[in-house]
Protein backbone atom coordinates (compact mmCIF):
# COMPACT_ATOMS: atom_id res chain seq x y z
CA MET A 1 131.63 -13.39 -140.34
CA ILE A 2 130.93 -17.29 -140.31
CA GLU A 3 129.02 -16.77 -137.12
CA ALA A 4 127.16 -14.03 -138.01
CA LEU A 5 125.86 -16.18 -140.95
CA ASP A 6 125.10 -19.09 -138.63
CA LEU A 7 123.12 -16.93 -137.02
CA LEU A 8 120.67 -16.67 -139.97
CA MET A 9 119.93 -20.46 -139.57
CA SER A 10 119.12 -20.28 -135.90
CA GLU A 11 115.39 -21.33 -135.15
CA SER A 12 115.56 -18.95 -132.05
CA LEU A 13 116.23 -16.20 -134.06
CA TRP A 14 112.98 -16.42 -136.52
CA ALA A 15 111.01 -17.60 -133.36
CA ALA A 16 112.02 -14.30 -131.84
CA VAL A 17 111.36 -12.44 -135.12
CA LEU A 18 107.72 -13.51 -134.98
CA ARG A 19 107.54 -12.51 -131.42
CA ILE A 20 109.20 -9.19 -131.52
CA ALA A 21 106.83 -8.47 -134.62
CA THR A 22 103.56 -9.11 -132.77
CA PRO A 23 103.21 -5.75 -131.02
CA LEU A 24 103.88 -4.05 -134.28
CA ILE A 25 101.53 -6.40 -136.36
CA PHE A 26 98.85 -5.11 -134.11
CA GLY A 27 99.72 -1.36 -134.28
CA VAL A 28 100.25 -1.30 -137.86
CA LEU A 29 96.91 -2.93 -138.73
CA GLY A 30 95.33 -0.56 -136.45
CA ALA A 31 96.94 2.44 -138.00
CA LEU A 32 96.17 1.01 -141.49
CA LEU A 33 92.54 0.80 -140.48
CA CYS A 34 92.42 4.36 -139.21
CA GLU A 35 94.16 5.91 -142.21
CA ARG A 36 92.28 3.53 -144.91
CA SER A 37 88.98 5.39 -143.64
CA GLY A 38 91.00 9.18 -143.98
CA VAL A 39 92.01 9.67 -140.39
CA LEU A 40 95.84 9.72 -139.32
CA ASN A 41 96.03 8.60 -135.92
CA LEU A 42 99.49 9.98 -134.16
CA GLY A 43 98.03 8.78 -130.86
CA ILE A 44 99.41 5.38 -131.57
CA GLU A 45 101.93 5.48 -129.03
CA GLY A 46 100.15 6.86 -125.99
CA ILE A 47 97.52 4.16 -127.05
CA MET A 48 99.85 1.55 -126.82
CA THR A 49 101.25 2.70 -123.52
CA MET A 50 97.64 2.92 -122.22
CA GLY A 51 96.87 -0.98 -123.48
CA ALA A 52 100.02 -2.09 -122.02
CA MET A 53 99.00 -0.68 -118.85
CA THR A 54 95.47 -1.49 -118.48
CA GLY A 55 95.93 -4.96 -119.92
CA TRP A 56 98.73 -5.60 -117.02
CA LEU A 57 96.86 -3.90 -114.32
CA THR A 58 93.71 -6.22 -114.96
CA VAL A 59 95.71 -9.38 -114.40
CA TYR A 60 97.61 -7.87 -111.77
CA LEU A 61 94.21 -7.03 -110.13
CA GLY A 62 92.89 -10.67 -110.46
CA GLY A 63 91.50 -10.94 -114.02
CA ASP A 64 92.80 -13.41 -116.20
CA LEU A 65 95.12 -13.03 -119.15
CA TRP A 66 92.29 -12.92 -121.88
CA MET A 67 90.30 -10.29 -119.85
CA GLY A 68 93.73 -8.15 -119.71
CA LEU A 69 93.53 -8.14 -123.60
CA VAL A 70 89.90 -7.42 -123.76
CA ILE A 71 90.41 -4.53 -120.99
CA ALA A 72 93.42 -3.28 -123.14
CA ALA A 73 91.35 -3.26 -126.37
CA LEU A 74 88.50 -1.28 -124.76
CA ALA A 75 90.84 1.39 -123.22
CA GLY A 76 92.56 1.60 -126.72
CA ALA A 77 88.97 2.15 -128.34
CA LEU A 78 88.20 4.68 -125.61
CA MET A 79 91.36 6.81 -126.79
CA GLY A 80 90.51 6.29 -130.16
CA LEU A 81 86.65 7.39 -129.87
CA LEU A 82 88.28 10.94 -128.11
CA HIS A 83 90.57 11.18 -131.16
CA ALA A 84 87.77 10.45 -133.49
CA GLY A 85 85.80 12.84 -131.85
CA LEU A 86 88.08 15.77 -132.04
CA THR A 87 89.23 15.28 -135.66
CA VAL A 88 86.06 13.70 -137.43
CA PRO A 89 82.80 15.79 -136.47
CA LEU A 90 84.54 18.84 -135.27
CA GLY A 91 87.42 18.67 -138.31
CA LEU A 92 90.34 19.75 -135.74
CA SER A 93 94.01 18.83 -136.80
CA GLN A 94 94.61 15.13 -136.95
CA HIS A 95 98.42 15.95 -136.38
CA VAL A 96 97.65 18.24 -133.19
CA SER A 97 95.03 15.98 -131.67
CA GLY A 98 96.91 12.46 -132.48
CA LEU A 99 100.01 14.07 -130.60
CA GLY A 100 97.81 15.40 -127.66
CA ILE A 101 96.42 11.97 -127.35
CA THR A 102 99.88 10.28 -127.21
CA LEU A 103 100.75 12.67 -124.47
CA PHE A 104 97.43 12.48 -122.38
CA ALA A 105 97.48 8.69 -122.73
CA SER A 106 101.12 8.13 -121.95
CA ALA A 107 100.91 10.53 -118.81
CA LEU A 108 97.25 8.79 -117.55
CA ALA A 109 98.54 5.53 -117.96
CA TYR A 110 101.79 6.12 -115.60
CA TYR A 111 99.40 8.15 -113.14
CA LEU A 112 97.03 5.44 -112.76
CA TYR A 113 99.53 2.91 -112.43
CA ARG A 114 101.48 4.93 -109.77
CA LEU A 115 97.83 5.56 -107.93
CA ILE A 116 96.78 1.94 -107.95
CA VAL A 117 100.07 -0.08 -107.48
CA GLU A 118 102.46 0.08 -104.58
CA VAL A 119 105.80 0.26 -106.36
CA GLY A 120 108.65 -0.94 -104.27
CA GLU A 121 112.42 -1.35 -105.42
CA THR A 122 111.32 -3.68 -107.86
CA PRO A 123 108.48 -3.37 -110.20
CA PRO A 124 105.59 -5.70 -109.55
CA THR A 125 105.00 -8.77 -111.97
CA ILE A 126 102.40 -11.03 -113.26
CA GLU A 127 102.33 -14.53 -114.62
CA PRO A 128 102.15 -13.88 -118.58
CA PHE A 129 101.14 -15.93 -121.38
CA ARG A 130 103.31 -18.84 -121.81
CA PRO A 131 104.34 -20.19 -125.64
CA TYR A 132 101.91 -22.95 -126.48
CA ALA A 133 103.00 -25.78 -128.87
CA VAL A 134 100.23 -26.52 -131.64
CA PRO A 135 100.05 -30.46 -131.64
CA VAL A 136 101.41 -31.95 -134.57
CA LEU A 137 102.10 -28.79 -136.36
CA SER A 138 104.81 -27.93 -133.96
CA ASP A 139 106.52 -30.82 -134.50
CA ILE A 140 107.19 -29.76 -138.47
CA PRO A 141 111.00 -29.37 -138.86
CA VAL A 142 112.29 -25.85 -138.77
CA LEU A 143 108.89 -24.35 -139.51
CA GLY A 144 107.14 -25.90 -136.30
CA PRO A 145 109.61 -24.47 -133.64
CA VAL A 146 109.45 -21.06 -135.27
CA LEU A 147 105.67 -20.53 -136.05
CA PHE A 148 103.76 -23.10 -133.81
CA THR A 149 105.26 -22.52 -130.54
CA GLN A 150 104.32 -18.88 -129.93
CA THR A 151 102.27 -17.21 -127.27
CA ALA A 152 98.56 -17.08 -127.95
CA PRO A 153 98.35 -13.13 -128.78
CA THR A 154 100.88 -13.82 -131.60
CA TYR A 155 98.74 -16.35 -133.24
CA LEU A 156 95.68 -13.68 -132.56
CA ALA A 157 97.94 -11.28 -134.39
CA LEU A 158 98.27 -13.59 -137.29
CA VAL A 159 94.50 -14.22 -137.23
CA THR A 160 93.85 -10.55 -137.34
CA VAL A 161 95.91 -9.92 -140.48
CA ALA A 162 93.75 -12.52 -142.44
CA VAL A 163 90.57 -11.05 -141.00
CA LEU A 164 91.14 -7.63 -142.07
CA ALA A 165 92.55 -8.26 -145.30
CA TYR A 166 89.39 -9.90 -146.19
CA VAL A 167 87.07 -7.39 -144.56
CA LEU A 168 88.87 -4.56 -146.36
CA ALA A 169 89.08 -6.33 -149.83
CA ARG A 170 86.13 -8.67 -149.91
CA THR A 171 83.16 -7.02 -147.97
CA PRO A 172 80.85 -4.22 -148.43
CA LEU A 173 82.01 -2.64 -145.02
CA GLY A 174 85.50 -2.92 -146.39
CA LEU A 175 84.56 -1.24 -149.66
CA ALA A 176 82.82 1.67 -147.55
CA ILE A 177 85.84 2.20 -145.42
CA ARG A 178 88.20 2.30 -148.35
CA MET A 179 85.90 4.48 -150.17
CA THR A 180 85.64 7.05 -147.36
CA GLY A 181 89.27 7.44 -147.46
CA GLU A 182 89.39 7.99 -150.94
CA ASN A 183 86.17 10.00 -151.68
CA PRO A 184 83.71 10.31 -148.76
CA HIS A 185 81.26 12.37 -151.11
CA ALA A 186 80.81 9.28 -153.08
CA VAL A 187 79.90 7.26 -149.80
CA GLU A 188 77.61 9.78 -149.01
CA ALA A 189 75.83 9.52 -152.26
CA GLN A 190 75.32 5.76 -151.77
CA GLY A 191 73.23 6.77 -148.37
CA LEU A 192 76.18 6.06 -146.09
CA ASN A 193 77.51 8.45 -143.45
CA PRO A 194 81.15 8.90 -143.92
CA ASN A 195 81.69 10.32 -140.49
CA ALA A 196 80.34 7.55 -138.88
CA LEU A 197 82.23 5.14 -141.08
CA ARG A 198 85.52 7.23 -140.02
CA VAL A 199 84.65 7.14 -136.43
CA GLY A 200 83.79 3.28 -136.34
CA ALA A 201 87.12 2.89 -137.95
CA VAL A 202 89.44 4.77 -135.88
CA VAL A 203 87.89 3.13 -132.49
CA ALA A 204 88.48 -0.25 -134.05
CA GLY A 205 91.97 0.55 -135.04
CA SER A 206 92.74 1.91 -131.99
CA ALA A 207 91.50 -1.06 -130.02
CA LEU A 208 94.12 -2.92 -132.16
CA MET A 209 96.73 -0.52 -130.96
CA GLY A 210 95.81 -1.16 -127.25
CA LEU A 211 96.31 -5.09 -128.14
CA GLY A 212 99.66 -4.19 -129.35
CA GLY A 213 100.67 -2.50 -126.16
CA ALA A 214 98.92 -5.16 -123.90
CA PHE A 215 101.39 -8.05 -125.41
CA LEU A 216 104.29 -6.22 -124.17
CA THR A 217 102.91 -6.69 -120.62
CA THR A 218 101.17 -9.81 -120.75
CA ALA A 219 103.45 -12.02 -123.33
CA ALA A 220 106.82 -10.32 -123.86
CA PHE A 221 107.29 -9.10 -120.41
CA ASN A 222 105.56 -9.57 -117.09
CA SER A 223 105.57 -6.05 -115.67
CA PHE A 224 104.73 -2.39 -116.71
CA PHE A 225 106.88 0.58 -117.01
CA PRO A 226 106.18 3.89 -118.70
CA GLU A 227 108.82 3.84 -121.42
CA MET A 228 108.23 0.17 -122.65
CA VAL A 229 106.36 1.16 -125.99
CA GLN A 230 109.95 2.70 -126.87
CA GLY A 231 108.82 4.39 -130.04
CA ARG A 232 106.90 1.27 -131.71
CA GLY A 233 103.95 3.46 -132.38
CA TRP A 234 106.04 5.52 -134.54
CA ILE A 235 107.56 2.52 -136.20
CA CYS A 236 103.91 1.37 -137.15
CA ILE A 237 103.06 4.50 -138.70
CA ALA A 238 105.90 4.13 -140.87
CA LEU A 239 105.35 0.73 -141.75
CA VAL A 240 101.98 1.60 -143.03
CA VAL A 241 103.45 3.55 -145.43
CA PHE A 242 105.84 0.62 -146.32
CA ALA A 243 103.07 -1.77 -146.59
CA SER A 244 101.14 0.79 -149.09
CA TRP A 245 97.97 0.57 -146.83
CA GLN A 246 97.70 -3.33 -147.58
CA PRO A 247 97.42 -5.77 -144.58
CA GLY A 248 99.44 -8.36 -145.85
CA LYS A 249 102.58 -6.00 -146.82
CA ALA A 250 102.01 -4.70 -143.38
CA LEU A 251 102.74 -7.93 -142.11
CA VAL A 252 106.06 -8.32 -144.17
CA GLY A 253 106.99 -4.81 -142.82
CA ALA A 254 106.56 -5.83 -139.30
CA LEU A 255 108.57 -9.05 -139.66
CA LEU A 256 111.21 -7.01 -141.61
CA PHE A 257 111.93 -4.55 -138.82
CA ALA A 258 111.71 -7.45 -136.14
CA PHE A 259 114.18 -9.24 -138.17
CA PHE A 260 116.58 -6.15 -138.03
CA ASP A 261 115.75 -5.82 -134.23
CA ALA A 262 116.55 -9.63 -133.22
CA TYR A 263 119.60 -9.85 -135.47
CA GLN A 264 121.19 -7.03 -134.03
CA LEU A 265 120.92 -8.43 -130.67
CA ARG A 266 122.51 -11.45 -131.63
CA LEU A 267 125.18 -9.89 -133.39
CA GLN A 268 126.22 -7.96 -130.37
CA THR A 269 127.41 -11.56 -128.80
CA VAL A 270 129.66 -12.27 -131.96
CA VAL A 271 130.95 -9.03 -133.15
CA GLU A 272 133.66 -7.52 -131.04
CA GLY A 273 134.74 -3.92 -131.29
CA VAL A 274 131.73 -2.12 -132.62
CA PRO A 275 129.95 0.23 -130.41
CA TYR A 276 126.50 -1.50 -129.24
CA GLN A 277 124.88 2.05 -130.21
CA LEU A 278 125.38 1.18 -133.90
CA PHE A 279 123.90 -2.20 -133.51
CA LEU A 280 120.66 -0.60 -131.76
CA MET A 281 120.51 1.99 -134.64
CA ALA A 282 120.64 -0.43 -137.32
CA PRO A 283 117.10 -1.58 -137.34
CA TYR A 284 115.90 2.21 -137.52
CA VAL A 285 118.19 2.90 -140.29
CA LEU A 286 117.63 0.18 -142.19
CA SER A 287 113.88 0.68 -142.01
CA ILE A 288 114.22 4.19 -142.96
CA VAL A 289 116.05 3.09 -146.16
CA ALA A 290 113.26 0.32 -146.91
CA LEU A 291 110.81 3.06 -146.47
CA ILE A 292 112.39 5.46 -148.96
CA LEU A 293 112.65 2.75 -151.46
CA VAL A 294 109.02 1.84 -151.06
CA ALA A 295 107.42 4.99 -150.27
CA ARG A 296 107.89 6.77 -153.85
CA ARG A 297 105.38 4.34 -155.25
CA ALA A 298 103.02 4.14 -152.50
CA GLU A 299 99.36 5.55 -153.26
CA VAL A 300 98.18 7.57 -150.33
CA PRO A 301 94.48 7.58 -149.62
CA GLU A 302 93.19 10.72 -151.35
CA ALA A 303 91.23 11.84 -148.48
CA LEU A 304 93.56 11.21 -145.66
CA MET A 305 93.54 14.09 -142.98
CA ALA A 306 90.86 15.99 -144.99
CA PRO A 307 87.98 16.79 -142.80
CA TYR A 308 84.54 15.61 -144.28
CA ARG A 309 81.63 18.17 -144.14
CA ARG A 310 78.60 17.22 -145.47
CA GLY A 311 77.75 19.40 -148.37
CA GLU A 312 81.19 20.88 -148.86
CA ARG A 313 83.26 19.85 -152.25
């Protein structure tokens, strides 16, 4: 018990929490942006897989790491455009389209990987992002090693939280996106095009999802394998509800899940006689409990999953 408590005081634990949370932060922000505009994007799992593959492949073929992130974001945006095209102007089922995007993007990513890359006994690797210690700030006791010795994509994820929170809460564009998710007819009455806003939000949100996938192959690991997203996309969908569609709370939710995950990995080394499957299950069970406690008070955007057709009420 004492060793388990000592783990909570470890700087390496909290640094790992922020590292594990990074793909979740990108993913949950992307899903949040889509849903704020009224579109549920269940394609997130496939989009993150596509982002992971394209980001890695760009670097493997000679591009730099930042180019890998850009290409991953573009690949995610392209998948988002496909989803938006099916669900916004055509009004098809967002559930069916999203699941179709997940299956299509995951299969396409693996197919392209096997088509382009020669895979031997061990998967090929790249040189990933390395942790960057921010001068002066990284020397701050406790906080410095945790927050200011991360990789560049983690810093980008934290900045993205602040930017998206500001855009949604403080700008006319953010107001238009939020109103599109609540009452698209009111948006049309102001001379704006709700469908265009929804398409733009889904494309931008999917680009963020692609970045979340790219983090896995360009920072967390240095190779690609098809199952590497491991359900993180579905966790992000749940975290949007946990966050009540607020970027700041989304960050808290991502960190909470990452803490459960990082802590259980370390508990396995100090607690004996407990099947490791229970430790692996713990983050998901605790996240479900937290989701249940919060979801009752969550206010769902009124027009979420409701197709908008001009002139209809």
